[in-house]
Amino acid sequence: MGDVEDTIEMIEGRTTELDSNEEQLKEVVLESLGSNVKEMREILNSIVGKLTERDDAFETMTMTLKEETLVVIRALICRNLV
């Protein structure tokens, strides 16, 4: 009967060890994922910043082209009226 009890204790010890290893693994995985999320968020913010700058530049160019187009149209209208 002692062998059975020893075996049960050994199995319980191994089970406890496996549970502990599982918790440690979960912690490592969560830390790793958290770190990756932080890095990905920084990259995304950088990309959004660059796209915002490009959008602002495009909007400025579009407004300038509209103004220049209006000047040309007015000049053409004035030529036809004279």
C-alpha atoms as a PDB file:
ATOM      1  CA  MET A   1       0.000   0.000   0.000  1.00  0.00           C
ATOM      2  CA  GLY A   2       2.968   2.273   0.639  1.00  0.00           C
ATOM      3  CA  ASP A   3       3.975   2.066  -3.022  1.00  0.00           C
ATOM      4  CA  VAL A   4       0.543   3.279  -4.110  1.00  0.00           C
ATOM      5  CA  GLU A   5       0.677   6.208  -1.693  1.00  0.00           C
ATOM      6  CA  ASP A   6       4.194   7.074  -2.836  1.00  0.00           C
ATOM      7  CA  THR A   7       3.054   6.954  -6.452  1.00  0.00           C
ATOM      8  CA  ILE A   8       0.050   9.178  -5.687  1.00  0.00           C
ATOM      9  CA  GLU A   9       2.294  11.691  -3.909  1.00  0.00           C
ATOM     10  CA  MET A  10       4.722  11.662  -6.839  1.00  0.00           C
ATOM     11  CA  ILE A  11       1.871  12.223  -9.312  1.00  0.00           C
ATOM     12  CA  GLU A  12       0.458  15.053  -7.194  1.00  0.00           C
ATOM     13  CA  GLY A  13       3.910  16.614  -7.032  1.00  0.00           C
ATOM     14  CA  ARG A  14       4.269  16.407 -10.806  1.00  0.00           C
ATOM     15  CA  THR A  15       0.774  17.836 -11.282  1.00  0.00           C
ATOM     16  CA  THR A  16       1.621  20.775  -9.024  1.00  0.00           C
ATOM     17  CA  GLU A  17       4.854  21.298 -10.948  1.00  0.00           C
ATOM     18  CA  LEU A  18       3.019  21.207 -14.275  1.00  0.00           C
ATOM     19  CA  ASP A  19       0.422  23.696 -12.976  1.00  0.00           C
ATOM     20  CA  SER A  20       3.235  26.008 -11.880  1.00  0.00           C
ATOM     21  CA  ASN A  21       4.959  25.696 -15.265  1.00  0.00           C
ATOM     22  CA  GLU A  22       1.655  26.433 -16.995  1.00  0.00           C
ATOM     23  CA  GLU A  23       1.209  29.636 -14.976  1.00  0.00           C
ATOM     24  CA  GLN A  24       4.785  30.714 -15.724  1.00  0.00           C
ATOM     25  CA  LEU A  25       4.241  30.065 -19.423  1.00  0.00           C
ATOM     26  CA  LYS A  26       1.020  32.092 -19.388  1.00  0.00           C
ATOM     27  CA  GLU A  27       2.859  35.005 -17.772  1.00  0.00           C
ATOM     28  CA  VAL A  28       5.668  34.880 -20.341  1.00  0.00           C
ATOM     29  CA  VAL A  29       3.214  34.718 -23.248  1.00  0.00           C
ATOM     30  CA  LEU A  30       1.140  37.616 -21.892  1.00  0.00           C
ATOM     31  CA  GLU A  31       4.270  39.724 -21.344  1.00  0.00           C
ATOM     32  CA  SER A  32       5.446  38.979 -24.863  1.00  0.00           C
ATOM     33  CA  LEU A  33       2.084  39.815 -26.392  1.00  0.00           C
ATOM     34  CA  GLY A  34       1.874  43.017 -24.358  1.00  0.00           C
ATOM     35  CA  SER A  35       5.310  44.049 -25.569  1.00  0.00           C
ATOM     36  CA  ASN A  36       4.392  43.299 -29.190  1.00  0.00           C
ATOM     37  CA  VAL A  37       1.162  45.280 -28.893  1.00  0.00           C
ATOM     38  CA  LYS A  38       3.105  48.262 -27.563  1.00  0.00           C
ATOM     39  CA  GLU A  39       5.579  48.108 -30.465  1.00  0.00           C
ATOM     40  CA  MET A  40       2.811  47.664 -33.026  1.00  0.00           C
ATOM     41  CA  ARG A  41       0.913  50.631 -31.551  1.00  0.00           C
ATOM     42  CA  GLU A  42       4.050  52.806 -31.822  1.00  0.00           C
ATOM     43  CA  ILE A  43       4.534  51.785 -35.457  1.00  0.00           C
ATOM     44  CA  LEU A  44       0.870  52.426 -36.240  1.00  0.00           C
ATOM     45  CA  ASN A  45       1.020  55.859 -34.605  1.00  0.00           C
ATOM     46  CA  SER A  46       4.105  56.681 -36.660  1.00  0.00           C
ATOM     47  CA  ILE A  47       2.379  55.628 -39.889  1.00  0.00           C
ATOM     48  CA  VAL A  48      -0.737  57.628 -39.011  1.00  0.00           C
ATOM     49  CA  GLY A  49       1.450  60.671 -38.333  1.00  0.00           C
ATOM     50  CA  LYS A  50       3.175  60.360 -41.701  1.00  0.00           C
ATOM     51  CA  LEU A  51      -0.147  59.884 -43.509  1.00  0.00           C
ATOM     52  CA  THR A  52      -1.564  62.933 -41.746  1.00  0.00           C
ATOM     53  CA  GLU A  53       1.425  65.009 -42.895  1.00  0.00           C
ATOM     54  CA  ARG A  54       0.944  63.792 -46.472  1.00  0.00           C
ATOM     55  CA  ASP A  55      -2.779  64.523 -46.308  1.00  0.00           C
ATOM     56  CA  ASP A  56      -2.075  68.049 -45.090  1.00  0.00           C
ATOM     57  CA  ALA A  57       0.465  68.582 -47.873  1.00  0.00           C
ATOM     58  CA  PHE A  58      -1.962  67.211 -50.470  1.00  0.00           C
ATOM     59  CA  GLU A  59      -4.723  69.480 -49.191  1.00  0.00           C
ATOM     60  CA  THR A  60      -2.406  72.495 -49.403  1.00  0.00           C
ATOM     61  CA  MET A  61      -1.397  71.605 -52.970  1.00  0.00           C
ATOM     62  CA  THR A  62      -5.042  71.107 -53.952  1.00  0.00           C
ATOM     63  CA  MET A  63      -6.039  74.502 -52.563  1.00  0.00           C
ATOM     64  CA  THR A  64      -3.109  76.167 -54.347  1.00  0.00           C
ATOM     65  CA  LEU A  65      -4.053  74.518 -57.641  1.00  0.00           C
ATOM     66  CA  LYS A  66      -7.671  75.640 -57.231  1.00  0.00           C
ATOM     67  CA  GLU A  67      -6.555  79.214 -56.613  1.00  0.00           C
ATOM     68  CA  GLU A  68      -4.221  79.140 -59.612  1.00  0.00           C
ATOM     69  CA  THR A  69      -6.985  77.671 -61.769  1.00  0.00           C
ATOM     70  CA  LEU A  70      -9.331  80.473 -60.742  1.00  0.00           C
ATOM     71  CA  VAL A  71      -6.681  83.060 -61.642  1.00  0.00           C
ATOM     72  CA  VAL A  72      -6.239  81.488 -65.094  1.00  0.00           C
ATOM     73  CA  ILE A  73     -10.003  81.315 -65.654  1.00  0.00           C
ATOM     74  CA  ARG A  74     -10.424  84.957 -64.662  1.00  0.00           C
ATOM     75  CA  ALA A  75      -7.568  85.957 -66.976  1.00  0.00           C
ATOM     76  CA  LEU A  76      -9.162  84.043 -69.877  1.00  0.00           C
ATOM     77  CA  ILE A  77     -12.546  85.624 -69.194  1.00  0.00           C
ATOM     78  CA  CYS A  78     -10.986  89.077 -69.113  1.00  0.00           C
ATOM     79  CA  ARG A  79      -9.240  88.469 -72.457  1.00  0.00           C
ATOM     80  CA  ASN A  80     -12.477  87.433 -74.093  1.00  0.00           C
ATOM     81  CA  LEU A  81     -14.293  90.498 -72.737  1.00  0.00           C
ATOM     82  CA  VAL A  82     -11.749  93.021 -74.041  1.00  0.00           C
END
